[in-house]
Amino acid sequence: MVRVLELNNKSMKRICIYPKDVQIVTGKSERYGRTIIKKIKDHLNKESHQVVTIDEFCSFMGIETSEVQGLIK
């Protein structure tokens, strides 16, 4: 029980990015977000079930990770 409480007290940060997040960061449509994520997966040779991380997105787009972390929750 104590272990669960310790987990709840820690601030957990997300690792993966979704089309809605790309929309928030870029100001473009959610469809554009899906396209960007698809391009990143193709570029990194990822399979369709694999996720794109925030770091991978930032590296691909040339954006600082700290800037993106501040925009998405």
C-alpha atoms as a PDB file:
ATOM      1  CA  MET A   1       0.000   0.000   0.000  1.00  0.00           C
ATOM      2  CA  VAL A   2       2.821   2.394   0.828  1.00  0.00           C
ATOM      3  CA  ARG A   3       4.388   1.714  -2.575  1.00  0.00           C
ATOM      4  CA  VAL A   4       1.216   2.849  -4.378  1.00  0.00           C
ATOM      5  CA  LEU A   5       1.123   6.060  -2.358  1.00  0.00           C
ATOM      6  CA  GLU A   6       4.761   6.770  -3.257  1.00  0.00           C
ATOM      7  CA  LEU A   7       3.912   6.422  -6.957  1.00  0.00           C
ATOM      8  CA  ASN A   8       0.941   8.776  -6.685  1.00  0.00           C
ATOM      9  CA  ASN A   9       3.051  11.478  -5.052  1.00  0.00           C
ATOM     10  CA  LYS A  10       5.665  11.509  -7.812  1.00  0.00           C
ATOM     11  CA  SER A  11       5.099  13.746 -10.809  1.00  0.00           C
ATOM     12  CA  MET A  12       4.884  11.454 -13.807  1.00  0.00           C
ATOM     13  CA  LYS A  13       5.762  12.861 -17.209  1.00  0.00           C
ATOM     14  CA  ARG A  14       4.464  11.461 -20.453  1.00  0.00           C
ATOM     15  CA  ILE A  15       6.929   9.896 -22.838  1.00  0.00           C
ATOM     16  CA  CYS A  16       4.902   9.580 -26.028  1.00  0.00           C
ATOM     17  CA  ILE A  17       3.332  12.243 -28.202  1.00  0.00           C
ATOM     18  CA  TYR A  18      -0.059  12.120 -29.920  1.00  0.00           C
ATOM     19  CA  PRO A  19      -1.560  13.963 -32.917  1.00  0.00           C
ATOM     20  CA  LYS A  20      -3.459  16.328 -30.616  1.00  0.00           C
ATOM     21  CA  ASP A  21      -0.157  17.286 -28.968  1.00  0.00           C
ATOM     22  CA  VAL A  22       1.409  17.965 -32.372  1.00  0.00           C
ATOM     23  CA  GLN A  23      -1.608  20.157 -33.141  1.00  0.00           C
ATOM     24  CA  ILE A  24      -1.036  22.169 -29.944  1.00  0.00           C
ATOM     25  CA  VAL A  25       2.694  22.571 -30.589  1.00  0.00           C
ATOM     26  CA  THR A  26       2.481  23.463 -34.289  1.00  0.00           C
ATOM     27  CA  GLY A  27      -0.867  25.257 -34.425  1.00  0.00           C
ATOM     28  CA  LYS A  28      -1.892  23.106 -37.367  1.00  0.00           C
ATOM     29  CA  SER A  29      -4.710  20.561 -37.712  1.00  0.00           C
ATOM     30  CA  GLU A  30      -4.938  17.200 -35.975  1.00  0.00           C
ATOM     31  CA  ARG A  31      -4.728  15.591 -39.407  1.00  0.00           C
ATOM     32  CA  TYR A  32      -1.357  17.300 -39.856  1.00  0.00           C
ATOM     33  CA  GLY A  33      -0.341  15.800 -36.500  1.00  0.00           C
ATOM     34  CA  ARG A  34      -1.191  12.305 -37.733  1.00  0.00           C
ATOM     35  CA  THR A  35       0.836  12.937 -40.891  1.00  0.00           C
ATOM     36  CA  ILE A  36       3.882  14.114 -38.922  1.00  0.00           C
ATOM     37  CA  ILE A  37       3.748  11.103 -36.604  1.00  0.00           C
ATOM     38  CA  LYS A  38       3.514   8.801 -39.645  1.00  0.00           C
ATOM     39  CA  LYS A  39       6.549  10.509 -41.210  1.00  0.00           C
ATOM     40  CA  ILE A  40       8.528  10.117 -37.985  1.00  0.00           C
ATOM     41  CA  LYS A  41       7.630   6.412 -37.775  1.00  0.00           C
ATOM     42  CA  ASP A  42       8.692   5.914 -41.384  1.00  0.00           C
ATOM     43  CA  HIS A  43      11.932   7.826 -40.789  1.00  0.00           C
ATOM     44  CA  LEU A  44      12.763   5.744 -37.700  1.00  0.00           C
ATOM     45  CA  ASN A  45      11.576   2.442 -39.235  1.00  0.00           C
ATOM     46  CA  LYS A  46       9.007   1.938 -36.482  1.00  0.00           C
ATOM     47  CA  GLU A  47       6.068  -0.401 -36.802  1.00  0.00           C
ATOM     48  CA  SER A  48       2.501   0.901 -36.673  1.00  0.00           C
ATOM     49  CA  HIS A  49       1.924  -0.274 -33.077  1.00  0.00           C
ATOM     50  CA  GLN A  50       5.017   1.534 -31.763  1.00  0.00           C
ATOM     51  CA  VAL A  51       4.699   5.017 -30.303  1.00  0.00           C
ATOM     52  CA  VAL A  52       6.688   8.149 -31.075  1.00  0.00           C
ATOM     53  CA  THR A  53       8.373   9.707 -28.074  1.00  0.00           C
ATOM     54  CA  ILE A  54       8.475  13.406 -27.338  1.00  0.00           C
ATOM     55  CA  ASP A  55      12.253  13.342 -27.762  1.00  0.00           C
ATOM     56  CA  GLU A  56      11.941  11.709 -31.203  1.00  0.00           C
ATOM     57  CA  PHE A  57       9.360  14.304 -32.228  1.00  0.00           C
ATOM     58  CA  CYS A  58      11.537  17.185 -31.026  1.00  0.00           C
ATOM     59  CA  SER A  59      14.602  15.818 -32.774  1.00  0.00           C
ATOM     60  CA  PHE A  60      12.677  15.372 -36.028  1.00  0.00           C
ATOM     61  CA  MET A  61      11.115  18.847 -35.881  1.00  0.00           C
ATOM     62  CA  GLY A  62      14.216  20.637 -34.547  1.00  0.00           C
ATOM     63  CA  ILE A  63      12.483  21.902 -31.403  1.00  0.00           C
ATOM     64  CA  GLU A  64      13.815  21.992 -27.850  1.00  0.00           C
ATOM     65  CA  THR A  65      12.255  19.297 -25.655  1.00  0.00           C
ATOM     66  CA  SER A  66      11.739  21.746 -22.788  1.00  0.00           C
ATOM     67  CA  GLU A  67       9.585  23.975 -25.008  1.00  0.00           C
ATOM     68  CA  VAL A  68       7.315  21.081 -25.975  1.00  0.00           C
ATOM     69  CA  GLN A  69       7.115  19.749 -22.405  1.00  0.00           C
ATOM     70  CA  GLY A  70       5.828  23.167 -21.332  1.00  0.00           C
ATOM     71  CA  LEU A  71       3.010  23.093 -23.902  1.00  0.00           C
ATOM     72  CA  ILE A  72       1.642  19.589 -23.361  1.00  0.00           C
ATOM     73  CA  LYS A  73       0.467  18.055 -20.100  1.00  0.00           C
END
